[in-house]
Protein backbone atom coordinates (compact mmCIF):
# COMPACT_ATOMS: atom_id res chain seq x y z
CA MET A 1 15.52 18.40 53.60
CA SER A 2 13.65 21.42 54.54
CA VAL A 3 15.93 23.02 51.54
CA VAL A 4 15.29 20.01 49.26
CA LYS A 5 11.62 21.13 49.19
CA GLU A 6 11.89 24.57 48.79
CA CYS A 7 13.87 24.07 45.91
CA ILE A 8 11.65 21.98 44.32
CA ALA A 9 8.98 24.21 44.90
CA MET A 10 10.44 26.49 43.93
CA SER A 11 10.85 24.63 40.51
CA ARG A 12 6.83 24.14 39.67
CA PHE A 13 5.43 26.68 37.34
CA TYR A 14 2.87 26.72 35.84
CA VAL A 15 1.98 26.26 31.80
CA ASP A 16 -0.57 26.79 29.43
CA TYR A 17 -2.00 23.22 27.20
CA TRP A 18 -4.41 22.99 24.08
CA SER A 19 -6.34 19.96 23.80
CA ARG A 20 -6.75 18.14 20.68
CA GLU A 21 -10.57 19.57 20.93
CA TRP A 22 -9.32 23.06 21.36
CA VAL A 23 -7.43 23.04 18.15
CA ASP A 24 -9.72 22.05 15.97
CA GLU A 25 -12.77 24.04 17.31
CA ASN A 26 -10.25 27.03 16.97
CA ASP A 27 -7.00 26.70 15.38
CA PHE A 28 -2.69 26.05 16.05
CA PRO A 29 -2.26 28.32 19.33
CA GLU A 30 0.46 30.42 17.39
CA ALA A 31 -2.86 31.35 15.10
CA GLU A 32 -4.52 32.91 18.31
CA LEU A 33 -0.90 35.22 18.86
CA VAL A 34 -1.53 38.72 17.94
CA SER A 35 1.40 39.24 16.96
CA PHE A 36 1.17 35.89 14.15
CA LYS A 37 -2.42 38.04 12.91
CA GLU A 38 0.05 40.98 11.88
CA ASP A 39 3.04 39.27 10.70
CA TYR A 40 1.96 35.64 9.45
CA ALA A 41 -1.50 35.54 8.33
CA ASN A 42 -1.46 36.63 4.75
CA ARG A 43 2.12 34.60 4.53
CA ASP A 44 0.64 31.51 1.60
CA LEU A 45 4.24 29.08 1.92
CA GLY A 46 4.84 26.04 3.75
CA VAL A 47 8.63 24.45 3.02
CA ALA A 48 9.75 20.92 4.56
CA PHE A 49 13.30 20.15 5.29
CA SER A 50 13.42 15.96 5.13
CA GLY A 51 15.89 14.10 7.02
CA GLY A 52 18.95 12.66 6.26
CA GLY A 53 21.86 13.79 8.26
CA THR A 54 24.56 16.37 7.27
CA ARG A 55 23.72 15.55 3.46
CA SER A 56 20.35 16.72 4.16
CA ALA A 57 22.14 19.75 6.51
CA ALA A 58 23.65 20.98 3.73
CA CYS A 59 20.98 20.45 1.14
CA THR A 60 19.19 22.77 3.21
CA VAL A 61 21.48 26.12 3.89
CA GLY A 62 21.80 25.63 0.36
CA GLN A 63 18.18 25.81 -0.38
CA LEU A 64 17.32 28.58 2.56
CA LYS A 65 19.96 30.25 0.97
CA ALA A 66 18.56 30.54 -2.20
CA LEU A 67 14.74 31.40 -0.41
CA ASP A 68 16.42 34.11 1.06
CA GLU A 69 18.32 35.13 -2.33
CA LEU A 70 14.44 35.04 -3.95
CA GLY A 71 12.74 37.06 -1.44
CA LEU A 72 10.54 34.26 -0.55
CA LEU A 73 11.14 34.05 3.28
CA PRO A 74 8.28 36.73 3.63
CA ARG A 75 5.81 34.64 2.26
CA VAL A 76 7.13 31.41 4.39
CA LYS A 77 4.62 31.03 6.86
CA TYR A 78 6.40 27.88 8.31
CA ILE A 79 9.39 25.85 7.89
CA SER A 80 8.63 22.37 9.15
CA ALA A 81 12.21 20.34 9.46
CA VAL A 82 13.35 16.38 10.20
CA SER A 83 16.45 15.60 11.54
CA GLY A 84 19.25 16.92 9.86
CA GLY A 85 16.86 19.23 8.45
CA GLY A 86 15.94 20.57 11.40
CA TRP A 87 19.75 20.58 12.26
CA ALA A 88 20.27 23.44 9.78
CA ALA A 89 16.53 24.73 10.23
CA THR A 90 16.93 25.47 13.79
CA PRO A 91 19.90 27.62 13.83
CA PHE A 92 18.81 29.54 11.31
CA THR A 93 15.78 30.31 13.03
CA TYR A 94 17.29 31.88 15.75
CA THR A 95 20.62 33.18 14.77
CA LYS A 96 20.25 37.14 14.41
CA ASN A 97 23.84 36.50 11.75
CA THR A 98 22.03 34.93 8.72
CA GLU A 99 25.34 36.46 6.48
CA GLN A 100 27.56 34.58 9.04
CA TYR A 101 25.05 31.82 9.03
CA PHE A 102 25.47 31.07 5.07
CA GLY A 103 28.60 31.45 4.61
CA GLU A 104 30.21 31.89 0.97
CA ILE A 105 27.79 29.81 -1.30
CA ARG A 106 28.49 30.06 -5.09
CA ASP A 107 26.35 29.51 -8.28
CA PRO A 108 28.58 26.73 -10.64
CA GLU A 109 30.54 29.78 -13.10
CA ASN A 110 32.42 30.44 -9.78
CA ILE A 111 33.07 27.26 -8.27
CA THR A 112 36.85 25.68 -8.29
CA CYS A 113 38.26 22.20 -6.11
CA SER A 114 40.10 25.17 -4.69
CA ASN A 115 37.76 27.18 -3.36
CA SER A 116 35.84 24.27 -2.27
CA LYS A 117 38.17 23.24 0.49
CA SER A 118 37.35 25.89 3.08
CA VAL A 119 34.71 27.02 4.28
CA HIS A 120 33.54 29.95 6.26
CA PRO A 121 34.46 30.79 9.79
CA LYS A 122 31.29 29.57 12.02
CA SER A 123 29.25 29.01 8.89
CA MET A 124 26.79 25.87 9.00
CA GLN A 125 29.11 24.30 5.90
CA SER A 126 31.90 24.92 8.98
CA ALA A 127 29.80 23.09 11.47
CA ILE A 128 28.95 20.10 9.22
CA THR A 129 32.47 19.84 8.16
CA ASN A 130 33.71 20.09 12.34
CA SER A 131 31.09 17.26 13.54
CA PRO A 132 32.51 15.03 16.35
CA LEU A 133 29.84 13.59 17.86
CA ILE A 134 31.45 10.22 19.22
CA SER A 135 33.94 12.93 20.93
CA ASN A 136 31.11 14.65 22.48
CA LEU A 137 28.95 12.23 23.36
CA ILE A 138 32.27 11.04 25.41
CA THR A 139 32.70 14.31 26.52
CA GLY A 140 28.55 14.89 27.98
CA GLY A 141 28.77 11.07 29.42
CA LEU A 142 32.31 12.04 31.72
CA LYS A 143 30.06 15.20 32.80
CA LEU A 144 27.11 12.78 34.22
CA LYS A 145 24.69 13.95 31.11
CA GLY A 146 23.13 10.93 30.91
CA ASP A 147 20.19 11.12 28.73
CA GLU A 148 21.10 14.54 27.41
CA SER A 149 24.65 13.34 25.93
CA PHE A 150 23.35 13.41 22.56
CA ALA A 151 21.83 16.70 23.24
CA TYR A 152 25.15 17.92 24.60
CA SER A 153 27.03 16.82 21.89
CA LEU A 154 24.99 18.02 18.71
CA GLY A 155 24.69 20.80 20.91
CA GLU A 156 28.21 21.85 21.18
CA VAL A 157 28.03 20.85 16.91
CA PHE A 158 25.29 23.22 15.35
CA LEU A 159 24.71 25.27 18.25
CA LYS A 160 27.45 27.01 19.64
CA PRO A 161 28.93 28.49 17.00
CA TYR A 162 25.97 30.96 17.28
CA GLY A 163 25.97 31.44 21.35
CA LEU A 164 22.05 29.04 21.04
CA HIS A 165 23.91 26.08 22.88
CA ASP A 166 23.01 27.03 26.82
CA SER A 167 21.38 24.00 28.53
CA SER A 168 19.81 25.80 31.09
CA ARG A 169 18.26 28.21 28.90
CA TYR A 170 14.59 27.96 27.72
CA PHE A 171 13.67 28.81 24.49
CA THR A 172 10.09 30.13 22.47
CA PHE A 173 8.77 32.47 20.18
CA ASN A 174 8.93 36.51 20.14
CA GLU A 175 8.28 38.96 23.43
CA GLU A 176 4.59 38.16 22.84
CA THR A 177 4.93 34.37 23.78
CA GLU A 178 7.69 35.18 26.58
CA ALA A 179 5.65 37.16 28.15
CA LEU A 180 2.26 34.56 28.06
CA THR A 181 4.65 32.04 29.34
CA ARG A 182 6.04 34.07 32.29
CA GLN A 183 2.55 34.29 33.55
CA GLY A 184 3.23 31.23 34.60
CA PHE A 185 6.34 31.09 36.60
CA PRO A 186 6.50 32.26 40.59
CA PRO A 187 7.66 35.51 41.04
CA ASN A 188 11.05 37.15 40.59
CA THR A 189 12.05 33.71 38.85
CA LYS A 190 14.84 33.76 37.00
CA THR A 191 14.80 32.75 33.55
CA ASP A 192 15.98 33.20 29.95
CA PHE A 193 14.60 32.39 26.82
CA TYR A 194 16.13 32.26 23.23
CA LEU A 195 13.89 34.39 20.86
CA VAL A 196 13.31 33.28 17.16
CA ARG A 197 14.99 36.00 15.05
CA LYS A 198 12.31 38.86 13.79
CA GLY A 199 9.98 37.45 10.54
CA ALA A 200 11.83 34.30 10.29
CA PRO A 201 9.46 31.58 9.62
CA TYR A 202 7.31 29.81 12.43
CA LEU A 203 9.43 26.46 13.14
CA ILE A 204 8.26 22.98 13.54
CA LEU A 205 10.87 19.73 13.63
CA GLY A 206 9.24 16.69 13.81
CA ALA A 207 10.51 13.81 16.14
CA THR A 208 8.76 10.17 17.21
CA LEU A 209 7.27 9.21 20.85
CA LEU A 210 8.79 5.82 21.20
CA ASN A 211 6.14 3.61 23.11
CA GLU A 212 7.72 -0.44 23.84
CA ASP A 213 4.68 -1.14 27.29
CA GLY A 214 1.18 -2.31 26.48
CA LEU A 215 0.34 -5.06 24.13
CA ALA A 216 1.11 -3.22 21.21
CA SER A 217 5.67 -2.56 21.67
CA ASP A 218 5.89 -1.10 18.35
CA LYS A 219 4.12 2.23 18.52
CA LYS A 220 4.85 5.08 17.87
CA TYR A 221 3.38 9.03 18.08
CA HIS A 222 4.53 12.32 16.03
CA VAL A 223 6.14 14.94 18.38
CA GLU A 224 5.89 18.46 16.97
CA TYR A 225 8.48 21.21 19.02
CA THR A 226 7.93 24.53 17.19
CA PRO A 227 9.02 27.56 19.60
CA PHE A 228 5.60 28.52 21.46
CA TYR A 229 4.36 24.97 22.68
CA SER A 230 5.02 21.35 21.81
CA GLY A 231 3.45 17.42 21.71
CA VAL A 232 1.84 15.27 20.17
CA ARG A 233 -1.87 16.72 18.56
CA VAL A 234 -3.29 13.37 18.08
CA GLY A 235 -3.92 11.53 21.38
CA HIS A 236 -3.53 8.10 21.53
CA ILE A 237 -4.47 5.19 23.53
CA ASP A 238 -1.85 1.36 24.20
CA LYS A 239 -4.81 -1.00 26.13
CA ASP A 240 -2.62 -3.27 28.80
CA LEU A 241 -4.34 -6.32 30.04
CA TRP A 242 -2.80 -5.98 33.68
CA SER A 243 -2.85 -2.48 34.41
CA SER A 244 -3.99 0.77 33.31
CA ASN A 245 -4.53 2.06 29.75
CA ASP A 246 -1.08 3.87 28.63
CA TYR A 247 -2.07 7.12 27.13
CA PHE A 248 -0.20 9.77 24.91
CA GLY A 249 -1.04 12.75 23.42
CA GLY A 250 -4.27 14.79 22.90
CA GLY A 251 -2.60 18.08 23.05
CA TYR A 252 0.63 20.29 23.74
CA VAL A 253 1.54 21.86 26.44
CA THR A 254 4.10 25.55 26.32
CA SER A 255 7.27 24.44 24.82
CA CYS A 256 9.00 25.19 28.40
CA GLY A 257 6.38 22.41 29.83
CA TYR A 258 7.33 19.60 27.91
CA ASP A 259 9.79 17.05 29.87
CA CYS A 260 8.35 18.38 32.63
CA ILE A 261 6.89 15.90 35.60
CA GLY A 262 2.88 16.22 37.08
CA PRO A 263 0.47 17.92 36.52
CA TYR A 264 -0.15 18.37 40.16
CA ASN A 265 -2.79 21.06 39.41
CA LYS A 266 -4.76 23.06 36.69
CA ARG A 267 -5.98 26.58 36.87
CA THR A 268 -7.55 28.93 34.42
CA LEU A 269 -5.97 32.33 33.74
CA GLU A 270 -7.43 35.15 31.71
CA GLY A 271 -9.04 32.41 29.76
CA ARG A 272 -6.18 30.21 29.24
CA GLU A 273 -6.11 26.75 30.59
CA GLN A 274 -2.86 25.89 32.35
CA LEU A 275 -1.26 23.01 34.15
CA LEU A 276 1.40 22.86 37.08
CA VAL A 277 4.56 21.24 36.54
CA LYS A 278 8.11 21.09 37.41
CA GLN A 279 11.37 20.43 35.87
CA ALA A 280 12.39 16.28 37.46
CA PRO A 281 14.77 16.54 40.27
CA VAL A 282 18.22 15.16 40.04
CA LEU A 283 17.19 12.04 42.21
CA SER A 284 19.89 10.35 44.16
CA PHE A 285 20.27 6.66 41.58
CA ASP A 286 20.21 8.98 38.07
CA ILE A 287 22.96 11.20 36.88
CA THR A 288 20.73 13.30 34.46
CA ASN A 289 21.25 16.46 35.37
CA GLU A 290 17.94 18.00 34.16
CA LYS A 291 18.13 21.34 32.64
CA ALA A 292 15.39 23.06 31.07
CA PHE A 293 13.88 22.32 27.65
CA SER A 294 16.11 23.72 24.94
CA LEU A 295 16.85 23.91 22.08
CA ASN A 296 19.95 21.35 22.35
CA ASP A 297 17.17 18.74 22.82
CA ILE A 298 14.71 19.27 20.54
CA ILE A 299 17.68 18.98 17.52
CA ALA A 300 18.93 15.90 19.38
CA SER A 301 15.10 14.00 19.76
CA THR A 302 14.46 15.32 15.82
CA GLY A 303 18.04 13.89 14.98
CA ALA A 304 18.08 10.78 16.63
CA ALA A 305 18.75 8.07 14.12
CA PRO A 306 20.21 5.30 15.74
CA GLN A 307 17.91 5.69 19.15
CA GLU A 308 15.05 3.22 18.11
CA ILE A 309 17.70 0.79 17.42
CA THR A 310 19.50 1.19 20.63
CA ASN A 311 15.63 1.12 21.95
CA ASN A 312 14.40 -2.66 20.39
CA ILE A 313 17.03 -4.44 21.16
CA ARG A 314 16.15 -3.41 24.90
CA LEU A 315 19.84 -1.10 25.56
CA GLY A 316 17.97 1.47 26.23
CA ALA A 317 18.61 5.20 25.32
CA LEU A 318 22.49 5.37 25.82
CA GLY A 319 22.77 9.01 26.15
CA PHE A 320 19.53 9.23 23.34
CA PRO A 321 16.94 11.83 24.19
CA GLU A 322 14.14 10.64 26.65
CA PHE A 323 11.63 13.40 28.24
CA ASN A 324 8.60 13.27 30.12
CA HIS A 325 5.79 13.73 28.73
CA ILE A 326 2.31 14.98 30.25
CA PRO A 327 -1.18 12.86 28.14
CA LEU A 328 -3.79 15.49 27.39
CA ASN A 329 -6.05 12.56 26.21
CA THR A 330 -6.71 10.59 29.45
CA LEU A 331 -10.05 9.23 30.18
CA GLU A 332 -11.64 9.68 34.41
CA GLY A 333 -9.52 7.60 36.62
CA ASP A 334 -6.78 6.48 34.74
CA ASN A 335 -3.44 7.55 35.41
CA SER A 336 -2.65 11.26 33.66
CA VAL A 337 0.52 12.57 35.17
CA SER A 338 3.89 12.37 33.10
CA GLU A 339 5.95 9.45 32.25
CA GLU A 340 9.66 9.49 30.66
CA TYR A 341 10.04 8.05 27.34
CA PRO A 342 12.51 7.94 24.29
CA HIS A 343 11.97 11.05 21.74
CA SER A 344 13.69 9.47 18.72
CA ASP A 345 14.29 11.00 14.98
CA GLY A 346 11.99 12.36 12.57
CA GLY A 347 12.17 10.09 10.43
CA HIS A 348 11.28 6.68 12.40
CA LEU A 349 7.42 7.22 11.40
CA GLU A 350 8.06 10.47 9.27
CA ASN A 351 10.82 11.62 7.15
CA LEU A 352 9.89 14.56 4.83
CA GLY A 353 8.07 17.64 7.73
CA ILE A 354 5.03 17.67 5.39
CA MET A 355 2.03 16.10 7.59
CA PRO A 356 2.15 19.48 10.33
CA LEU A 357 1.78 21.42 7.01
CA LEU A 358 -1.07 19.87 5.70
CA ALA A 359 -2.40 19.58 9.09
CA ARG A 360 -2.31 23.39 9.15
CA LYS A 361 -4.05 23.16 5.92
CA MET A 362 -1.46 25.33 3.77
CA THR A 363 -2.70 24.61 0.60
CA LYS A 364 0.79 25.71 -1.30
CA ILE A 365 4.39 23.54 -0.08
CA VAL A 366 7.48 22.64 -1.03
CA VAL A 367 9.17 19.61 0.43
CA PHE A 368 13.01 19.40 -0.32
CA VAL A 369 13.93 15.63 -0.40
CA ASN A 370 17.20 15.52 0.76
CA THR A 371 17.30 11.67 -0.36
CA LYS A 372 20.75 9.46 -0.01
CA LYS A 373 18.68 7.22 -3.06
CA PRO A 374 19.16 8.04 -6.36
CA PHE A 375 16.17 8.38 -8.92
CA THR A 376 16.22 5.54 -10.66
CA PRO A 377 12.95 5.57 -13.79
CA ASN A 378 11.08 1.93 -14.39
CA LYS A 379 9.05 2.94 -17.95
CA LYS A 380 7.53 -0.39 -17.96
CA LYS A 381 6.32 -0.23 -14.11
CA PRO A 382 6.61 3.54 -12.77
CA LEU A 383 5.57 2.04 -9.27
CA ASP A 384 8.89 0.15 -9.46
CA SER A 385 11.44 2.59 -10.21
CA GLY A 386 13.91 3.52 -8.14
CA PHE A 387 12.02 6.39 -5.48
CA ASN A 388 12.60 7.73 -2.10
CA LYS A 389 10.31 5.80 -0.14
CA SER A 390 9.24 8.47 2.58
CA VAL A 391 7.43 9.69 -0.30
CA LYS A 392 5.89 6.66 -1.59
CA ALA A 393 4.34 5.98 1.88
CA LEU A 394 2.73 9.29 1.49
CA PHE A 395 0.55 8.12 -1.73
CA VAL A 396 0.40 4.05 -1.46
CA PRO A 397 1.44 1.40 1.47
CA ILE A 398 4.72 0.61 1.09
CA ASP A 399 6.96 -2.63 2.48
CA ASN A 400 7.54 -2.28 6.34
CA LEU A 401 11.03 -4.23 6.50
CA PHE A 402 10.90 -4.90 10.58
CA LYS A 403 6.74 -6.00 10.87
CA LYS A 404 4.72 -7.75 8.86
CA GLY A 405 1.90 -6.19 6.41
CA ASP A 406 2.32 -2.97 4.69
CA PHE A 407 3.19 0.44 5.89
CA ALA A 408 0.26 2.18 5.21
CA THR A 409 0.53 5.16 8.38
CA ASN A 410 1.56 8.01 6.24
CA VAL A 411 -0.85 7.54 3.48
CA VAL A 412 -2.02 11.19 2.80
CA PHE A 413 -3.48 11.79 -0.45
CA ASP A 414 -6.00 10.29 -2.65
CA ASN A 415 -6.20 8.98 -5.36
CA GLY A 416 -2.49 7.93 -4.28
CA GLU A 417 -1.58 5.04 -7.25
CA GLU A 418 -2.33 7.14 -9.84
CA GLU A 419 -1.24 10.39 -8.39
CA LEU A 420 2.08 8.65 -7.89
CA THR A 421 2.72 7.23 -11.44
CA LYS A 422 1.63 10.62 -12.45
CA LEU A 423 4.68 12.16 -9.84
CA ILE A 424 7.40 9.64 -11.36
CA GLY A 425 6.34 10.18 -14.38
CA GLN A 426 7.14 13.78 -14.61
CA PHE A 427 10.43 13.08 -13.16
CA SER A 428 11.13 10.45 -14.96
CA GLN A 429 11.10 13.02 -18.25
CA LEU A 430 13.20 15.10 -16.52
CA VAL A 431 16.62 13.13 -16.29
CA LYS A 432 18.89 10.97 -18.39
CA LYS A 433 21.02 8.15 -18.14
CA GLU A 434 25.15 9.04 -18.36
CA SER A 435 27.10 6.47 -19.90
CA SER A 436 29.99 7.24 -17.83
CA SER A 437 28.81 6.59 -14.14
CA ASP A 438 25.72 4.33 -15.78
CA GLU A 439 23.51 6.36 -13.74
CA TYR A 440 19.97 8.41 -14.17
CA ILE A 441 21.25 12.70 -13.41
CA ALA A 442 18.69 15.61 -14.25
CA LYS A 443 19.70 17.75 -17.51
CA THR A 444 18.60 20.37 -15.28
CA ALA A 445 16.94 20.00 -12.22
CA LEU A 446 14.69 17.41 -10.72
CA PHE A 447 11.26 18.90 -9.50
CA ALA A 448 7.82 19.00 -10.22
CA LYS A 449 4.82 20.47 -9.26
CA THR A 450 1.60 18.61 -8.54
CA LYS A 451 -2.38 19.89 -7.34
CA LEU A 452 -3.36 16.59 -4.77
CA VAL A 453 -6.16 16.09 -2.38
CA THR A 454 -5.93 14.66 1.05
CA THR A 455 -7.26 11.55 1.86
CA SER A 456 -8.74 11.08 6.09
CA ASN A 457 -5.10 10.57 7.96
CA GLU A 458 -6.21 9.70 11.92
CA HIS A 459 -2.68 8.78 12.94
CA TYR A 460 -1.55 12.57 12.29
CA GLY A 461 -5.45 14.25 12.59
CA ILE A 462 -5.45 15.31 8.99
CA ASN A 463 -8.38 15.86 7.10
CA ALA A 464 -10.00 14.75 3.69
CA GLY A 465 -10.52 16.74 0.59
CA HIS A 466 -8.02 20.01 1.23
CA GLU A 467 -6.65 20.67 -1.45
CA VAL A 468 -3.10 21.38 -2.21
CA GLU A 469 -0.28 22.08 -4.34
CA ILE A 470 3.17 20.29 -4.31
CA THR A 471 6.86 20.97 -5.96
CA TRP A 472 8.76 18.25 -4.99
CA VAL A 473 12.20 19.53 -4.98
CA TYR A 474 14.76 15.69 -5.73
CA ASN A 475 18.62 16.02 -4.68
CA CYS A 476 19.90 14.70 -7.88
CA ARG A 477 22.98 15.45 -10.05
CA SER A 478 22.42 17.79 -13.04
CA SER A 479 23.99 17.97 -15.86
CA ALA A 480 23.22 21.10 -16.47
CA TRP A 481 25.32 22.18 -13.57
CA GLU A 482 28.55 20.26 -13.58
CA LYS A 483 28.59 21.45 -16.78
CA LYS A 484 28.77 25.17 -16.03
CA LEU A 485 31.86 24.05 -13.53
CA LYS A 486 34.41 26.77 -13.59
CA ASP A 487 37.05 23.90 -12.87
CA LYS A 488 35.77 21.41 -15.96
CA ASP A 489 38.31 18.83 -14.37
CA LEU A 490 36.06 18.98 -11.24
CA GLY A 491 33.28 17.93 -13.95
CA LYS A 492 35.21 15.09 -15.05
CA LEU A 493 35.48 14.22 -11.63
CA ILE A 494 32.03 13.93 -10.79
CA ALA A 495 31.01 12.60 -14.14
CA ASN A 496 33.70 9.68 -13.98
CA LYS A 497 33.67 8.75 -10.48
CA LYS A 498 31.77 5.47 -10.72
CA ARG A 499 35.30 4.04 -13.16
CA LEU A 500 37.69 5.60 -11.66
CA ILE A 501 40.21 4.30 -9.19
CA GLY A 502 42.28 5.80 -6.65
CA ASP A 503 41.70 9.18 -4.71
CA GLN A 504 38.09 10.77 -6.07
CA LYS A 505 37.93 13.41 -3.37
CA GLY A 506 35.12 11.46 -1.71
CA LEU A 507 33.28 12.41 -4.24
CA GLU A 508 31.67 8.66 -5.50
CA ASP A 509 28.63 9.05 -4.01
CA PHE A 510 27.96 12.77 -4.68
CA PRO A 511 25.29 14.29 -4.12
CA HIS A 512 23.77 11.03 -2.52
CA TYR A 513 26.56 10.63 0.51
CA GLY A 514 25.25 8.19 3.17
CA THR A 515 23.15 9.31 6.67
CA PHE A 516 26.10 7.77 8.60
CA PHE A 517 29.71 6.49 8.02
CA GLU A 518 30.19 8.27 4.49
CA ASN A 519 34.32 9.01 5.47
CA PHE A 520 35.76 7.08 7.85
CA ARG A 521 36.58 9.95 10.14
CA GLY A 522 33.09 10.80 11.91
CA VAL A 523 29.63 9.61 12.16
CA VAL A 524 28.42 12.37 10.01
CA GLU A 525 30.90 14.73 9.38
CA LEU A 526 31.60 15.67 5.48
CA THR A 527 34.72 17.16 4.61
CA LYS A 528 34.60 20.81 3.08
CA VAL A 529 34.89 19.91 -0.29
CA GLN A 530 32.02 17.26 0.01
CA THR A 531 29.87 19.99 1.98
CA ASN A 532 30.46 22.86 -0.35
CA LEU A 533 29.89 20.97 -3.28
CA LEU A 534 26.55 20.00 -2.17
CA THR A 535 25.71 23.12 -0.63
CA ASN A 536 25.98 24.76 -3.66
CA LEU A 537 24.49 22.13 -6.07
CA SER A 538 21.03 22.61 -3.55
CA TYR A 539 21.45 26.20 -3.95
CA TRP A 540 21.69 26.26 -7.53
CA VAL A 541 18.42 23.56 -8.36
CA ALA A 542 16.83 25.52 -5.48
CA LYS A 543 16.31 28.60 -7.42
CA LYS A 544 15.58 26.14 -10.31
CA ALA A 545 12.95 24.81 -8.70
CA LEU A 546 11.25 28.19 -6.77
CA ASN A 547 10.80 30.26 -10.03
CA GLY A 548 7.14 30.54 -10.49
CA VAL A 549 6.42 29.39 -6.69
């Protein structure tokens, strides 16, 4: 017994915390870092990569390559990503070898069906085409990983090629934040950290905390995972008739302190407020072997799309992420200790990654909408156009398929109906209807630039009156790109895909692959041809869209 007590005591450590009030009065924690002030303060660009499984991951690789090739990465202060966008953005942020990560990405003049059938080993394209989630989940279950099974599965696919998959290793931003974090650990504690590649944009991954308790059982709260800190910045209270209220959010903690139990104590160190926490112990009835809060955990949480379904039908996590959450907004006398909740896909609430960038008052943003929804203009009723719902929801309330009433939580732009109509109008000018497939495709590339003003949004803590220029880049076929393909038969195959019967090389849905089960093999796995063509198209389109940003 004494050994157990000693082990638990040794696992206790202090972490910094920043309340919502502190952030409002000062700034976001990274902005207070000396290194951030020196290297990031003058960066003027925020980039968002939407969710969408391996479809979005494949797009994101090409878009990151375009940013790199155009020399724009030194201007990018933040990368905000969700779900599949996060699967690609996380290893990009932490790998030291971006050449290996990108593999070979081609302009259309160099693309053939033959060279699209291979991928470079350890490239992100290779990970996308070898993503056996089910078999990895089973392996994780057999290893008694419990609610870490999905994290294990994704880590094996997207992080292991870059040596970033160690579940016992923490992550942080740089040497400065590592030193600050280590101050909270007992002397001589052995801890290892993954550090962001020097100069890489500051990463923000979006996720959703699912609360099934209290009077309102469908509450969802926006979680941010960043290299330095993580949490739910905005405080929320779910009232309960029979017991104390449930509290969520209210600020951030150092990322290594997320999914920890506590707090046991508070202290002030060099003017910084800290909480005493510990990693959750392995209980006799718990098959979960709790480890450090790792990169595996955050990519699993941001991309855990099926978890909302399993939670709603009372099947629990089923191997998906459940993290301990310490509320920082509790009232005097109410419970302030951590409780474990499902932490699910960011797309269950905000699938674009734009909210963290607006909250940080970025004035220039690029949003890559890596959607499976083709754009189909309706000139008589523009607001009824076929269009990505996550974008629509930023301007106007949209239909809520699962609950009564409209979903208005994400409305964040002033004069929304008029501004959305303008955006759809810009898109409509850039597409044409293709007779062979009866679908609308971009003449060159589908992107538009808008100047918008925010309206107050309490759920995300965004103030009214912030002026922002946003470039929207929409996943869409390109007539110009297809005509430039070196392999003319490949271009014809894409153009005639809807009318062909037989072997279409899996391009029936190009570039709008399904988030799940696009192929019979694997839940999210794409073929080499599917992956290469989508990455190459996204790269080419991004270069067009980013010109002049």
